[in-house]
Full PDB file with SEQRES, HELIX, SHEET, SSBOND, CRYST1, ORIGX, SCALE, CONECT and MASTER records, all heavy atoms in Angstrom:
SEQRES   1 A   34  LEU THR LYS HIS GLY MET ARG THR ILE ASP ALA ARG ALA          
SEQRES   2 A   34  ALA VAL VAL SER ALA THR VAL HIS ALA ASP VAL PRO GLY          
SEQRES   3 A   34  GLU PRO ARG PRO SER GLY GLY PRO                              
HELIX    1 AA1 ARG A   12  ALA A   14  5                                   3    
CRYST1    1.000    1.000    1.000  90.00  90.00  90.00 P 1           1          
ORIGX1      1.000000  0.000000  0.000000        0.00000                         
ORIGX2      0.000000  1.000000  0.000000        0.00000                         
ORIGX3      0.000000  0.000000  1.000000        0.00000                         
SCALE1      1.000000  0.000000  0.000000        0.00000                         
SCALE2      0.000000  1.000000  0.000000        0.00000                         
SCALE3      0.000000  0.000000  1.000000        0.00000                         
ATOM      1  N   LEU A   1       0.845  -1.181  -0.031  1.00  0.00           N  
ATOM      2  CA  LEU A   1       0.065   0.015   0.011  1.00  0.00           C  
ATOM      3  C   LEU A   1       0.896   1.242   0.045  1.00  0.00           C  
ATOM      4  O   LEU A   1       1.669   1.423   0.910  1.00  0.00           O  
ATOM      5  CB  LEU A   1      -0.887  -0.028   1.215  1.00  0.00           C  
ATOM      6  CG  LEU A   1      -1.863   1.199   1.358  1.00  0.00           C  
ATOM      7  CD1 LEU A   1      -2.854   1.235   0.137  1.00  0.00           C  
ATOM      8  CD2 LEU A   1      -2.655   1.120   2.727  1.00  0.00           C  
ATOM      9  N   THR A   2       0.728   2.076  -0.991  1.00  0.00           N  
ATOM     10  CA  THR A   2       1.507   3.269  -1.110  1.00  0.00           C  
ATOM     11  C   THR A   2       0.524   4.496  -1.043  1.00  0.00           C  
ATOM     12  O   THR A   2      -0.704   4.311  -1.014  1.00  0.00           O  
ATOM     13  CB  THR A   2       2.265   3.382  -2.452  1.00  0.00           C  
ATOM     14  OG1 THR A   2       1.391   3.555  -3.492  1.00  0.00           O  
ATOM     15  CG2 THR A   2       3.104   2.105  -2.594  1.00  0.00           C  
ATOM     16  N   LYS A   3       1.054   5.668  -1.110  1.00  0.00           N  
ATOM     17  CA  LYS A   3       0.208   6.874  -1.065  1.00  0.00           C  
ATOM     18  C   LYS A   3      -0.629   7.050  -2.338  1.00  0.00           C  
ATOM     19  O   LYS A   3      -1.637   7.831  -2.352  1.00  0.00           O  
ATOM     20  CB  LYS A   3       1.008   8.115  -0.813  1.00  0.00           C  
ATOM     21  CG  LYS A   3       2.013   8.470  -1.880  1.00  0.00           C  
ATOM     22  CD  LYS A   3       2.823   9.677  -1.545  1.00  0.00           C  
ATOM     23  CE  LYS A   3       3.876  10.011  -2.586  1.00  0.00           C  
ATOM     24  NZ  LYS A   3       4.715  11.198  -2.240  1.00  0.00           N  
ATOM     25  N   HIS A   4      -0.240   6.233  -3.329  1.00  0.00           N  
ATOM     26  CA  HIS A   4      -0.938   6.261  -4.610  1.00  0.00           C  
ATOM     27  C   HIS A   4      -1.871   5.052  -4.694  1.00  0.00           C  
ATOM     28  O   HIS A   4      -2.380   4.772  -5.812  1.00  0.00           O  
ATOM     29  CB  HIS A   4      -0.023   6.314  -5.805  1.00  0.00           C  
ATOM     30  CG  HIS A   4       0.856   7.558  -5.810  1.00  0.00           C  
ATOM     31  ND1 HIS A   4       0.357   8.850  -5.894  1.00  0.00           N  
ATOM     32  CD2 HIS A   4       2.176   7.698  -5.662  1.00  0.00           C  
ATOM     33  CE1 HIS A   4       1.330   9.744  -5.873  1.00  0.00           C  
ATOM     34  NE2 HIS A   4       2.459   8.991  -5.715  1.00  0.00           N  
ATOM     35  N   GLY A   5      -2.017   4.279  -3.611  1.00  0.00           N  
ATOM     36  CA  GLY A   5      -2.863   3.070  -3.641  1.00  0.00           C  
ATOM     37  C   GLY A   5      -1.959   1.787  -3.648  1.00  0.00           C  
ATOM     38  O   GLY A   5      -0.790   1.859  -3.418  1.00  0.00           O  
ATOM     39  N   MET A   6      -2.638   0.691  -3.868  1.00  0.00           N  
ATOM     40  CA  MET A   6      -1.921  -0.604  -3.859  1.00  0.00           C  
ATOM     41  C   MET A   6      -1.009  -0.691  -5.063  1.00  0.00           C  
ATOM     42  O   MET A   6      -1.412  -0.293  -6.242  1.00  0.00           O  
ATOM     43  CB  MET A   6      -2.916  -1.781  -3.883  1.00  0.00           C  
ATOM     44  CG  MET A   6      -3.736  -1.883  -2.603  1.00  0.00           C  
ATOM     45  SD  MET A   6      -2.719  -2.158  -1.102  1.00  0.00           S  
ATOM     46  CE  MET A   6      -2.028  -3.783  -1.398  1.00  0.00           C  
ATOM     47  N   ARG A   7       0.176  -1.261  -4.905  1.00  0.00           N  
ATOM     48  CA  ARG A   7       1.136  -1.394  -5.972  1.00  0.00           C  
ATOM     49  C   ARG A   7       1.743  -2.786  -5.909  1.00  0.00           C  
ATOM     50  O   ARG A   7       2.082  -3.312  -4.833  1.00  0.00           O  
ATOM     51  CB  ARG A   7       2.256  -0.390  -5.894  1.00  0.00           C  
ATOM     52  CG  ARG A   7       3.270  -0.469  -7.006  1.00  0.00           C  
ATOM     53  CD  ARG A   7       4.173   0.800  -7.051  1.00  0.00           C  
ATOM     54  NE  ARG A   7       5.034   0.688  -8.209  1.00  0.00           N  
ATOM     55  CZ  ARG A   7       5.911   1.647  -8.493  1.00  0.00           C  
ATOM     56  NH1 ARG A   7       5.956   2.710  -7.799  1.00  0.00           N  
ATOM     57  NH2 ARG A   7       6.713   1.523  -9.601  1.00  0.00           N  
ATOM     58  N   THR A   8       1.903  -3.419  -7.049  1.00  0.00           N  
ATOM     59  CA  THR A   8       2.451  -4.757  -7.124  1.00  0.00           C  
ATOM     60  C   THR A   8       3.945  -4.681  -7.543  1.00  0.00           C  
ATOM     61  O   THR A   8       4.232  -3.994  -8.476  1.00  0.00           O  
ATOM     62  CB  THR A   8       1.704  -5.597  -8.135  1.00  0.00           C  
ATOM     63  OG1 THR A   8       0.333  -5.742  -7.798  1.00  0.00           O  
ATOM     64  CG2 THR A   8       2.233  -7.046  -8.310  1.00  0.00           C  
ATOM     65  N   ILE A   9       4.795  -5.325  -6.753  1.00  0.00           N  
ATOM     66  CA  ILE A   9       6.256  -5.269  -7.058  1.00  0.00           C  
ATOM     67  C   ILE A   9       6.765  -6.718  -7.037  1.00  0.00           C  
ATOM     68  O   ILE A   9       6.179  -7.626  -6.396  1.00  0.00           O  
ATOM     69  CB  ILE A   9       6.984  -4.474  -6.027  1.00  0.00           C  
ATOM     70  CG1 ILE A   9       6.827  -5.025  -4.629  1.00  0.00           C  
ATOM     71  CG2 ILE A   9       6.565  -3.073  -6.108  1.00  0.00           C  
ATOM     72  CD1 ILE A   9       7.651  -4.287  -3.612  1.00  0.00           C  
ATOM     73  N   ASP A  10       7.822  -6.948  -7.751  1.00  0.00           N  
ATOM     74  CA  ASP A  10       8.491  -8.289  -7.791  1.00  0.00           C  
ATOM     75  C   ASP A  10       9.590  -8.266  -6.706  1.00  0.00           C  
ATOM     76  O   ASP A  10      10.677  -7.684  -6.887  1.00  0.00           O  
ATOM     77  CB  ASP A  10       9.126  -8.538  -9.138  1.00  0.00           C  
ATOM     78  CG  ASP A  10       9.888  -9.870  -9.240  1.00  0.00           C  
ATOM     79  OD1 ASP A  10       9.705 -10.669  -8.325  1.00  0.00           O  
ATOM     80  OD2 ASP A  10      10.606 -10.054 -10.233  1.00  0.00           O  
ATOM     81  N   ALA A  11       9.273  -8.883  -5.621  1.00  0.00           N  
ATOM     82  CA  ALA A  11      10.272  -8.894  -4.490  1.00  0.00           C  
ATOM     83  C   ALA A  11      11.498  -9.784  -4.798  1.00  0.00           C  
ATOM     84  O   ALA A  11      12.553  -9.514  -4.372  1.00  0.00           O  
ATOM     85  CB  ALA A  11       9.601  -9.397  -3.172  1.00  0.00           C  
ATOM     86  N   ARG A  12      11.267 -10.875  -5.559  1.00  0.00           N  
ATOM     87  CA  ARG A  12      12.347 -11.827  -5.829  1.00  0.00           C  
ATOM     88  C   ARG A  12      13.480 -11.129  -6.642  1.00  0.00           C  
ATOM     89  O   ARG A  12      14.625 -11.478  -6.396  1.00  0.00           O  
ATOM     90  CB  ARG A  12      11.818 -12.980  -6.660  1.00  0.00           C  
ATOM     91  CG  ARG A  12      12.869 -13.982  -7.089  1.00  0.00           C  
ATOM     92  CD  ARG A  12      13.550 -14.609  -5.921  1.00  0.00           C  
ATOM     93  NE  ARG A  12      14.636 -15.494  -6.282  1.00  0.00           N  
ATOM     94  CZ  ARG A  12      15.992 -15.053  -6.379  1.00  0.00           C  
ATOM     95  NH1 ARG A  12      16.248 -13.739  -6.190  1.00  0.00           N  
ATOM     96  NH2 ARG A  12      16.870 -15.856  -6.723  1.00  0.00           N  
ATOM     97  N   ALA A  13      13.129 -10.212  -7.535  1.00  0.00           N  
ATOM     98  CA  ALA A  13      14.199  -9.633  -8.325  1.00  0.00           C  
ATOM     99  C   ALA A  13      15.263  -8.856  -7.604  1.00  0.00           C  
ATOM    100  O   ALA A  13      16.355  -8.752  -8.014  1.00  0.00           O  
ATOM    101  CB  ALA A  13      13.520  -8.667  -9.348  1.00  0.00           C  
ATOM    102  N   ALA A  14      14.835  -8.397  -6.431  1.00  0.00           N  
ATOM    103  CA  ALA A  14      15.759  -7.543  -5.589  1.00  0.00           C  
ATOM    104  C   ALA A  14      16.652  -8.419  -4.668  1.00  0.00           C  
ATOM    105  O   ALA A  14      17.646  -7.907  -4.156  1.00  0.00           O  
ATOM    106  CB  ALA A  14      15.057  -6.579  -4.780  1.00  0.00           C  
ATOM    107  N   VAL A  15      16.260  -9.722  -4.435  1.00  0.00           N  
ATOM    108  CA  VAL A  15      17.053 -10.488  -3.460  1.00  0.00           C  
ATOM    109  C   VAL A  15      18.251 -11.059  -4.139  1.00  0.00           C  
ATOM    110  O   VAL A  15      18.209 -11.849  -5.099  1.00  0.00           O  
ATOM    111  CB  VAL A  15      16.160 -11.678  -2.956  1.00  0.00           C  
ATOM    112  CG1 VAL A  15      16.960 -12.616  -2.034  1.00  0.00           C  
ATOM    113  CG2 VAL A  15      14.928 -11.140  -2.198  1.00  0.00           C  
ATOM    114  N   VAL A  16      19.476 -10.650  -3.595  1.00  0.00           N  
ATOM    115  CA  VAL A  16      20.751 -11.133  -4.163  1.00  0.00           C  
ATOM    116  C   VAL A  16      21.097 -12.464  -3.446  1.00  0.00           C  
ATOM    117  O   VAL A  16      21.560 -13.419  -4.192  1.00  0.00           O  
ATOM    118  CB  VAL A  16      21.823 -10.061  -3.842  1.00  0.00           C  
ATOM    119  CG1 VAL A  16      23.224 -10.535  -4.323  1.00  0.00           C  
ATOM    120  CG2 VAL A  16      21.476  -8.738  -4.523  1.00  0.00           C  
ATOM    121  N   SER A  17      20.899 -12.573  -2.181  1.00  0.00           N  
ATOM    122  CA  SER A  17      21.279 -13.831  -1.492  1.00  0.00           C  
ATOM    123  C   SER A  17      20.474 -13.881  -0.234  1.00  0.00           C  
ATOM    124  O   SER A  17      20.035 -12.821   0.314  1.00  0.00           O  
ATOM    125  CB  SER A  17      22.816 -13.938  -1.153  1.00  0.00           C  
ATOM    126  OG  SER A  17      23.126 -12.859  -0.286  1.00  0.00           O  
ATOM    127  N   ALA A  18      20.327 -15.070   0.317  1.00  0.00           N  
ATOM    128  CA  ALA A  18      19.588 -15.265   1.621  1.00  0.00           C  
ATOM    129  C   ALA A  18      20.058 -16.485   2.261  1.00  0.00           C  
ATOM    130  O   ALA A  18      20.154 -17.593   1.626  1.00  0.00           O  
ATOM    131  CB  ALA A  18      18.120 -15.338   1.304  1.00  0.00           C  
ATOM    132  N   THR A  19      20.340 -16.398   3.546  1.00  0.00           N  
ATOM    133  CA  THR A  19      20.808 -17.578   4.312  1.00  0.00           C  
ATOM    134  C   THR A  19      20.030 -17.570   5.663  1.00  0.00           C  
ATOM    135  O   THR A  19      19.562 -16.534   6.111  1.00  0.00           O  
ATOM    136  CB  THR A  19      22.326 -17.499   4.681  1.00  0.00           C  
ATOM    137  OG1 THR A  19      22.628 -16.254   5.314  1.00  0.00           O  
ATOM    138  CG2 THR A  19      23.201 -17.535   3.364  1.00  0.00           C  
ATOM    139  N   VAL A  20      19.913 -18.728   6.218  1.00  0.00           N  
ATOM    140  CA  VAL A  20      19.102 -18.968   7.453  1.00  0.00           C  
ATOM    141  C   VAL A  20      19.944 -19.615   8.528  1.00  0.00           C  
ATOM    142  O   VAL A  20      20.763 -20.509   8.194  1.00  0.00           O  
ATOM    143  CB  VAL A  20      17.888 -19.787   7.131  1.00  0.00           C  
ATOM    144  CG1 VAL A  20      17.082 -20.148   8.376  1.00  0.00           C  
ATOM    145  CG2 VAL A  20      16.945 -19.077   6.154  1.00  0.00           C  
ATOM    146  N   HIS A  21      19.758 -19.215   9.736  1.00  0.00           N  
ATOM    147  CA  HIS A  21      20.427 -19.908  10.884  1.00  0.00           C  
ATOM    148  C   HIS A  21      19.490 -19.706  12.112  1.00  0.00           C  
ATOM    149  O   HIS A  21      18.606 -18.900  12.123  1.00  0.00           O  
ATOM    150  CB  HIS A  21      21.814 -19.376  11.148  1.00  0.00           C  
ATOM    151  CG  HIS A  21      21.919 -17.883  11.452  1.00  0.00           C  
ATOM    152  ND1 HIS A  21      21.775 -17.401  12.696  1.00  0.00           N  
ATOM    153  CD2 HIS A  21      22.108 -16.833  10.613  1.00  0.00           C  
ATOM    154  CE1 HIS A  21      21.875 -16.053  12.701  1.00  0.00           C  
ATOM    155  NE2 HIS A  21      22.081 -15.710  11.428  1.00  0.00           N  
ATOM    156  N   ALA A  22      19.722 -20.519  13.057  1.00  0.00           N  
ATOM    157  CA  ALA A  22      18.966 -20.541  14.282  1.00  0.00           C  
ATOM    158  C   ALA A  22      19.483 -19.476  15.300  1.00  0.00           C  
ATOM    159  O   ALA A  22      20.704 -19.117  15.275  1.00  0.00           O  
ATOM    160  CB  ALA A  22      18.973 -21.935  14.939  1.00  0.00           C  
ATOM    161  N   ASP A  23      18.554 -18.912  16.108  1.00  0.00           N  
ATOM    162  CA  ASP A  23      18.940 -18.000  17.129  1.00  0.00           C  
ATOM    163  C   ASP A  23      19.790 -18.638  18.184  1.00  0.00           C  
ATOM    164  O   ASP A  23      19.863 -19.838  18.323  1.00  0.00           O  
ATOM    165  CB  ASP A  23      17.693 -17.389  17.742  1.00  0.00           C  
ATOM    166  CG  ASP A  23      17.966 -16.179  18.588  1.00  0.00           C  
ATOM    167  OD1 ASP A  23      19.113 -15.620  18.453  1.00  0.00           O  
ATOM    168  OD2 ASP A  23      17.077 -15.766  19.326  1.00  0.00           O  
ATOM    169  N   VAL A  24      20.512 -17.779  19.007  1.00  0.00           N  
ATOM    170  CA  VAL A  24      21.314 -18.338  20.011  1.00  0.00           C  
ATOM    171  C   VAL A  24      20.492 -18.935  21.119  1.00  0.00           C  
ATOM    172  O   VAL A  24      19.503 -18.313  21.607  1.00  0.00           O  
ATOM    173  CB  VAL A  24      22.178 -17.096  20.667  1.00  0.00           C  
ATOM    174  CG1 VAL A  24      22.948 -17.678  21.878  1.00  0.00           C  
ATOM    175  CG2 VAL A  24      23.053 -16.469  19.595  1.00  0.00           C  
ATOM    176  N   PRO A  25      20.736 -20.200  21.428  1.00  0.00           N  
ATOM    177  CA  PRO A  25      19.821 -20.905  22.430  1.00  0.00           C  
ATOM    178  C   PRO A  25      19.832 -20.179  23.749  1.00  0.00           C  
ATOM    179  O   PRO A  25      20.872 -19.604  24.201  1.00  0.00           O  
ATOM    180  CB  PRO A  25      20.465 -22.337  22.593  1.00  0.00           C  
ATOM    181  CG  PRO A  25      21.261 -22.480  21.278  1.00  0.00           C  
ATOM    182  CD  PRO A  25      21.745 -21.123  20.897  1.00  0.00           C  
ATOM    183  N   GLY A  26      18.709 -20.156  24.407  1.00  0.00           N  
ATOM    184  CA  GLY A  26      18.653 -19.556  25.740  1.00  0.00           C  
ATOM    185  C   GLY A  26      18.222 -18.187  25.762  1.00  0.00           C  
ATOM    186  O   GLY A  26      17.842 -17.598  26.797  1.00  0.00           O  
ATOM    187  N   GLU A  27      18.293 -17.420  24.636  1.00  0.00           N  
ATOM    188  CA  GLU A  27      17.837 -16.084  24.526  1.00  0.00           C  
ATOM    189  C   GLU A  27      16.273 -16.011  24.697  1.00  0.00           C  
ATOM    190  O   GLU A  27      15.613 -16.594  23.942  1.00  0.00           O  
ATOM    191  CB  GLU A  27      18.229 -15.355  23.288  1.00  0.00           C  
ATOM    192  CG  GLU A  27      17.864 -13.842  23.268  1.00  0.00           C  
ATOM    193  CD  GLU A  27      18.579 -13.160  22.027  1.00  0.00           C  
ATOM    194  OE1 GLU A  27      19.491 -13.683  21.512  1.00  0.00           O  
ATOM    195  OE2 GLU A  27      17.988 -12.124  21.688  1.00  0.00           O  
ATOM    196  N   PRO A  28      15.756 -15.217  25.654  1.00  0.00           N  
ATOM    197  CA  PRO A  28      14.353 -15.165  25.770  1.00  0.00           C  
ATOM    198  C   PRO A  28      13.627 -14.543  24.630  1.00  0.00           C  
ATOM    199  O   PRO A  28      14.117 -13.544  24.094  1.00  0.00           O  
ATOM    200  CB  PRO A  28      14.117 -14.310  27.090  1.00  0.00           C  
ATOM    201  CG  PRO A  28      15.372 -13.509  27.205  1.00  0.00           C  
ATOM    202  CD  PRO A  28      16.427 -14.357  26.679  1.00  0.00           C  
ATOM    203  N   ARG A  29      12.462 -15.112  24.267  1.00  0.00           N  
ATOM    204  CA  ARG A  29      11.644 -14.624  23.142  1.00  0.00           C  
ATOM    205  C   ARG A  29      10.232 -14.555  23.553  1.00  0.00           C  
ATOM    206  O   ARG A  29       9.739 -15.397  24.360  1.00  0.00           O  
ATOM    207  CB  ARG A  29      11.798 -15.557  21.900  1.00  0.00           C  
ATOM    208  CG  ARG A  29      13.169 -15.577  21.310  1.00  0.00           C  
ATOM    209  CD  ARG A  29      13.437 -14.374  20.476  1.00  0.00           C  
ATOM    210  NE  ARG A  29      14.814 -14.270  19.943  1.00  0.00           N  
ATOM    211  CZ  ARG A  29      15.265 -13.336  19.141  1.00  0.00           C  
ATOM    212  NH1 ARG A  29      14.466 -12.241  18.871  1.00  0.00           N  
ATOM    213  NH2 ARG A  29      16.480 -13.342  18.717  1.00  0.00           N  
ATOM    214  N   PRO A  30       9.419 -13.635  23.053  1.00  0.00           N  
ATOM    215  CA  PRO A  30       8.027 -13.439  23.429  1.00  0.00           C  
ATOM    216  C   PRO A  30       7.248 -14.729  23.233  1.00  0.00           C  
ATOM    217  O   PRO A  30       6.337 -15.005  23.996  1.00  0.00           O  
ATOM    218  CB  PRO A  30       7.579 -12.274  22.547  1.00  0.00           C  
ATOM    219  CG  PRO A  30       8.800 -11.479  22.294  1.00  0.00           C  
ATOM    220  CD  PRO A  30       9.898 -12.463  22.177  1.00  0.00           C  
ATOM    221  N   SER A  31       7.511 -15.412  22.134  1.00  0.00           N  
ATOM    222  CA  SER A  31       6.679 -16.634  21.781  1.00  0.00           C  
ATOM    223  C   SER A  31       7.079 -17.773  22.677  1.00  0.00           C  
ATOM    224  O   SER A  31       6.289 -18.721  22.784  1.00  0.00           O  
ATOM    225  CB  SER A  31       6.920 -17.021  20.324  1.00  0.00           C  
ATOM    226  OG  SER A  31       8.132 -17.561  20.135  1.00  0.00           O  
ATOM    227  N   GLY A  32       8.301 -17.779  23.279  1.00  0.00           N  
ATOM    228  CA  GLY A  32       8.723 -18.868  24.075  1.00  0.00           C  
ATOM    229  C   GLY A  32       9.208 -20.015  23.193  1.00  0.00           C  
ATOM    230  O   GLY A  32       9.541 -21.114  23.727  1.00  0.00           O  
ATOM    231  N   GLY A  33       9.124 -19.875  21.891  1.00  0.00           N  
ATOM    232  CA  GLY A  33       9.524 -20.932  21.028  1.00  0.00           C  
ATOM    233  C   GLY A  33      10.763 -20.693  20.270  1.00  0.00           C  
ATOM    234  O   GLY A  33      11.646 -19.857  20.671  1.00  0.00           O  
ATOM    235  N   PRO A  34      11.031 -21.338  19.189  1.00  0.00           N  
ATOM    236  CA  PRO A  34      12.253 -21.123  18.349  1.00  0.00           C  
ATOM    237  C   PRO A  34      12.286 -19.765  17.649  1.00  0.00           C  
ATOM    238  O   PRO A  34      11.223 -19.138  17.663  1.00  0.00           O  
ATOM    239  CB  PRO A  34      12.211 -22.293  17.344  1.00  0.00           C  
ATOM    240  CG  PRO A  34      10.718 -22.549  17.131  1.00  0.00           C  
ATOM    241  CD  PRO A  34      10.061 -22.296  18.494  1.00  0.00           C  
TER     242      PRO A  34                                                      
MASTER        0    0    0    1    0    0    0    6  241    1    0    3          
END                                                                             
């Protein structure tokens, strides 16, 4: 949603790289989960 209304964009085109890892164990989180 923009000031000119809804706009459709290609999010994939901008992603150069993406990696995933787990959070440091023991750090408190609101969900209480991973």
